[in-house]
Amino acid sequence: MYRNHRAAKRFFKKALRSFHVPLPRVITVDKNPDYPIAIEKMKKEKKMPLGIQIRQIKYLNNIVEQDHRFIKKRVRSMMGFKSF
């Protein structure tokens, strides 16, 4: 999904506005080139603290899928009992 830097900026503003979460040290995002642009603009506007670092991972979705692998294995094996 394509996301321009203005949409990324809106997303980060909304994420940082939540009161129940402290300010992060590191923001992990995928390799979309619009995220660093949005973060730098927010830092220049003083809407994001300067100490926050950005970490870009090329295949961020793969990490999420690997995390759910064992859950999927367990759930799929239980689905077989519906046939009884």
N, C-alpha and C. Protein backbone atom coordinates (compact mmCIF):
# COMPACT_ATOMS: atom_id res chain seq x y z
N MET A 1 0.85 -1.19 0.00
CA MET A 1 0.00 0.00 0.00
C MET A 1 0.89 1.25 0.00
N TYR A 2 0.61 2.15 -0.90
CA TYR A 2 1.40 3.37 -1.01
C TYR A 2 0.93 4.39 0.04
N ARG A 3 1.87 5.01 0.68
CA ARG A 3 1.55 6.01 1.70
C ARG A 3 2.48 7.19 1.49
N ASN A 4 1.93 8.37 1.32
CA ASN A 4 2.80 9.54 1.14
C ASN A 4 3.23 10.09 2.50
N HIS A 5 4.15 11.03 2.47
CA HIS A 5 4.71 11.51 3.73
C HIS A 5 3.71 12.29 4.57
N ARG A 6 2.71 12.90 3.94
CA ARG A 6 1.69 13.60 4.74
C ARG A 6 0.84 12.61 5.52
N ALA A 7 0.50 11.49 4.89
CA ALA A 7 -0.28 10.46 5.58
C ALA A 7 0.55 9.82 6.69
N ALA A 8 1.83 9.62 6.44
CA ALA A 8 2.71 9.06 7.46
C ALA A 8 2.83 10.02 8.64
N LYS A 9 2.88 11.31 8.34
CA LYS A 9 2.97 12.32 9.40
C LYS A 9 1.70 12.30 10.27
N ARG A 10 0.53 12.19 9.63
CA ARG A 10 -0.72 12.09 10.38
C ARG A 10 -0.73 10.84 11.26
N PHE A 11 -0.24 9.74 10.71
CA PHE A 11 -0.18 8.49 11.46
C PHE A 11 0.69 8.63 12.70
N PHE A 12 1.89 9.22 12.56
CA PHE A 12 2.79 9.38 13.70
C PHE A 12 2.21 10.34 14.73
N LYS A 13 1.56 11.40 14.30
CA LYS A 13 0.93 12.33 15.24
C LYS A 13 -0.11 11.61 16.08
N LYS A 14 -0.92 10.81 15.42
CA LYS A 14 -1.97 10.06 16.12
C LYS A 14 -1.37 9.05 17.08
N ALA A 15 -0.32 8.38 16.67
CA ALA A 15 0.32 7.37 17.51
C ALA A 15 0.99 8.00 18.73
N LEU A 16 1.63 9.15 18.55
CA LEU A 16 2.32 9.80 19.67
C LEU A 16 1.37 10.54 20.58
N ARG A 17 0.14 10.78 20.14
CA ARG A 17 -0.84 11.51 20.94
C ARG A 17 -1.45 10.65 22.04
N SER A 18 -1.37 9.32 21.94
CA SER A 18 -2.02 8.45 22.92
C SER A 18 -1.38 8.64 24.29
N PHE A 19 -2.19 8.72 25.31
CA PHE A 19 -1.72 9.03 26.65
C PHE A 19 -1.29 7.80 27.42
N HIS A 20 -1.77 6.64 27.04
CA HIS A 20 -1.48 5.43 27.81
C HIS A 20 -0.12 4.81 27.48
N VAL A 21 0.61 5.39 26.52
CA VAL A 21 1.90 4.86 26.11
C VAL A 21 2.97 5.94 26.28
N PRO A 22 4.10 5.61 26.93
CA PRO A 22 5.18 6.60 27.03
C PRO A 22 5.83 6.83 25.66
N LEU A 23 6.57 7.91 25.54
CA LEU A 23 7.25 8.20 24.28
C LEU A 23 8.30 7.13 23.99
N PRO A 24 8.35 6.63 22.77
CA PRO A 24 9.29 5.56 22.45
C PRO A 24 10.71 6.08 22.25
N ARG A 25 11.69 5.20 22.47
CA ARG A 25 13.09 5.52 22.16
C ARG A 25 13.36 5.29 20.68
N VAL A 26 12.76 4.20 20.14
CA VAL A 26 13.00 3.80 18.76
C VAL A 26 11.66 3.50 18.10
N ILE A 27 11.49 3.95 16.87
CA ILE A 27 10.30 3.64 16.08
C ILE A 27 10.74 2.69 14.98
N THR A 28 10.13 1.50 14.93
CA THR A 28 10.47 0.51 13.92
C THR A 28 9.42 0.53 12.82
N VAL A 29 9.85 0.76 11.60
CA VAL A 29 8.94 0.83 10.46
C VAL A 29 9.54 0.01 9.32
N ASP A 30 8.75 -0.17 8.26
CA ASP A 30 9.28 -0.86 7.09
C ASP A 30 10.10 0.11 6.24
N LYS A 31 10.56 -0.32 5.09
CA LYS A 31 11.47 0.48 4.26
C LYS A 31 10.78 1.51 3.39
N ASN A 32 9.57 1.89 3.70
CA ASN A 32 8.87 2.91 2.94
C ASN A 32 9.66 4.22 3.04
N PRO A 33 10.02 4.83 1.92
CA PRO A 33 10.86 6.04 1.97
C PRO A 33 10.15 7.27 2.53
N ASP A 34 8.85 7.22 2.74
CA ASP A 34 8.12 8.37 3.25
C ASP A 34 8.22 8.51 4.77
N TYR A 35 8.51 7.43 5.48
CA TYR A 35 8.59 7.51 6.94
C TYR A 35 9.72 8.42 7.43
N PRO A 36 10.96 8.29 6.92
CA PRO A 36 12.00 9.21 7.38
C PRO A 36 11.70 10.67 7.07
N ILE A 37 11.08 10.94 5.94
CA ILE A 37 10.71 12.31 5.58
C ILE A 37 9.73 12.88 6.60
N ALA A 38 8.72 12.08 6.94
CA ALA A 38 7.70 12.53 7.89
C ALA A 38 8.30 12.75 9.28
N ILE A 39 9.18 11.86 9.69
CA ILE A 39 9.79 11.99 11.03
C ILE A 39 10.69 13.21 11.09
N GLU A 40 11.48 13.46 10.06
CA GLU A 40 12.35 14.64 10.05
C GLU A 40 11.54 15.93 10.07
N LYS A 41 10.43 15.97 9.33
CA LYS A 41 9.58 17.17 9.35
C LYS A 41 8.97 17.39 10.72
N MET A 42 8.55 16.30 11.38
CA MET A 42 7.97 16.44 12.72
C MET A 42 9.01 16.89 13.72
N LYS A 43 10.25 16.43 13.57
CA LYS A 43 11.31 16.87 14.47
C LYS A 43 11.63 18.35 14.27
N LYS A 44 11.60 18.82 13.01
CA LYS A 44 11.84 20.24 12.74
C LYS A 44 10.72 21.12 13.29
N GLU A 45 9.48 20.60 13.28
CA GLU A 45 8.34 21.34 13.81
C GLU A 45 8.20 21.21 15.32
N LYS A 46 9.12 20.46 15.95
CA LYS A 46 9.11 20.23 17.41
C LYS A 46 7.88 19.45 17.87
N LYS A 47 7.31 18.62 17.01
CA LYS A 47 6.17 17.79 17.38
C LYS A 47 6.60 16.38 17.77
N MET A 48 7.90 16.10 17.58
CA MET A 48 8.46 14.82 17.98
C MET A 48 9.81 15.11 18.64
N PRO A 49 10.08 14.47 19.79
CA PRO A 49 11.37 14.71 20.45
C PRO A 49 12.54 14.32 19.56
N LEU A 50 13.65 15.02 19.69
CA LEU A 50 14.82 14.80 18.84
C LEU A 50 15.52 13.48 19.15
N GLY A 51 15.33 12.92 20.34
CA GLY A 51 16.03 11.70 20.74
C GLY A 51 15.45 10.42 20.15
N ILE A 52 14.30 10.49 19.51
CA ILE A 52 13.67 9.29 18.96
C ILE A 52 14.41 8.87 17.70
N GLN A 53 14.80 7.60 17.65
CA GLN A 53 15.50 7.07 16.49
C GLN A 53 14.52 6.29 15.62
N ILE A 54 14.84 6.17 14.35
CA ILE A 54 14.03 5.38 13.42
C ILE A 54 14.84 4.17 13.00
N ARG A 55 14.19 3.00 13.05
CA ARG A 55 14.83 1.76 12.62
C ARG A 55 13.97 1.17 11.51
N GLN A 56 14.56 1.01 10.35
CA GLN A 56 13.83 0.50 9.20
C GLN A 56 14.22 -0.95 8.95
N ILE A 57 13.21 -1.82 8.85
CA ILE A 57 13.41 -3.23 8.56
C ILE A 57 12.71 -3.52 7.25
N LYS A 58 13.42 -4.14 6.32
CA LYS A 58 12.90 -4.33 4.98
C LYS A 58 11.62 -5.16 4.96
N TYR A 59 11.62 -6.28 5.64
CA TYR A 59 10.47 -7.18 5.63
C TYR A 59 9.84 -7.24 7.01
N LEU A 60 9.23 -6.15 7.41
CA LEU A 60 8.63 -6.07 8.74
C LEU A 60 7.50 -7.07 8.90
N ASN A 61 6.75 -7.33 7.85
CA ASN A 61 5.64 -8.27 7.94
C ASN A 61 6.11 -9.69 8.22
N ASN A 62 7.28 -10.05 7.75
CA ASN A 62 7.78 -11.40 8.00
C ASN A 62 8.01 -11.64 9.48
N ILE A 63 8.46 -10.64 10.21
CA ILE A 63 8.67 -10.78 11.65
C ILE A 63 7.34 -11.05 12.33
N VAL A 64 6.30 -10.34 11.92
CA VAL A 64 4.98 -10.54 12.51
C VAL A 64 4.47 -11.94 12.20
N GLU A 65 4.64 -12.38 10.97
CA GLU A 65 4.18 -13.71 10.59
C GLU A 65 4.94 -14.79 11.33
N GLN A 66 6.23 -14.61 11.53
CA GLN A 66 7.00 -15.60 12.28
C GLN A 66 6.55 -15.68 13.72
N ASP A 67 6.13 -14.56 14.27
CA ASP A 67 5.65 -14.54 15.64
C ASP A 67 4.37 -15.34 15.78
N HIS A 68 3.53 -15.37 14.76
CA HIS A 68 2.24 -16.07 14.82
C HIS A 68 2.33 -17.52 14.36
N ARG A 69 3.50 -17.95 13.90
CA ARG A 69 3.63 -19.29 13.33
C ARG A 69 3.19 -20.38 14.31
N PHE A 70 3.62 -20.32 15.55
CA PHE A 70 3.31 -21.37 16.52
C PHE A 70 1.85 -21.33 16.93
N ILE A 71 1.26 -20.15 16.95
CA ILE A 71 -0.17 -20.03 17.25
C ILE A 71 -0.97 -20.67 16.13
N LYS A 72 -0.59 -20.43 14.89
CA LYS A 72 -1.29 -21.02 13.75
C LYS A 72 -1.21 -22.54 13.80
N LYS A 73 -0.04 -23.06 14.14
CA LYS A 73 0.16 -24.50 14.20
C LYS A 73 -0.80 -25.13 15.22
N ARG A 74 -0.94 -24.50 16.36
CA ARG A 74 -1.78 -25.03 17.43
C ARG A 74 -3.27 -24.93 17.07
N VAL A 75 -3.69 -23.82 16.50
CA VAL A 75 -5.10 -23.60 16.16
C VAL A 75 -5.53 -24.53 15.03
N ARG A 76 -4.70 -24.68 14.02
CA ARG A 76 -5.06 -25.54 12.90
C ARG A 76 -5.22 -26.99 13.31
N SER A 77 -4.40 -27.45 14.26
CA SER A 77 -4.53 -28.84 14.69
C SER A 77 -5.83 -29.05 15.47
N MET A 78 -6.29 -28.04 16.18
CA MET A 78 -7.55 -28.15 16.93
C MET A 78 -8.76 -28.09 16.01
N MET A 79 -8.62 -27.47 14.85
CA MET A 79 -9.75 -27.37 13.92
C MET A 79 -10.17 -28.74 13.39
N GLY A 80 -9.28 -29.73 13.44
CA GLY A 80 -9.60 -31.06 12.96
C GLY A 80 -10.65 -31.77 13.79
N PHE A 81 -10.86 -31.36 15.03
CA PHE A 81 -11.83 -32.01 15.90
C PHE A 81 -13.27 -31.66 15.52
N LYS A 82 -13.47 -30.67 14.68
CA LYS A 82 -14.83 -30.31 14.26
C LYS A 82 -15.46 -31.39 13.41
N SER A 83 -14.66 -32.26 12.80
CA SER A 83 -15.20 -33.27 11.91
C SER A 83 -15.88 -34.43 12.66
N PHE A 84 -15.66 -34.54 13.98
CA PHE A 84 -16.27 -35.64 14.73
C PHE A 84 -17.75 -35.44 14.93
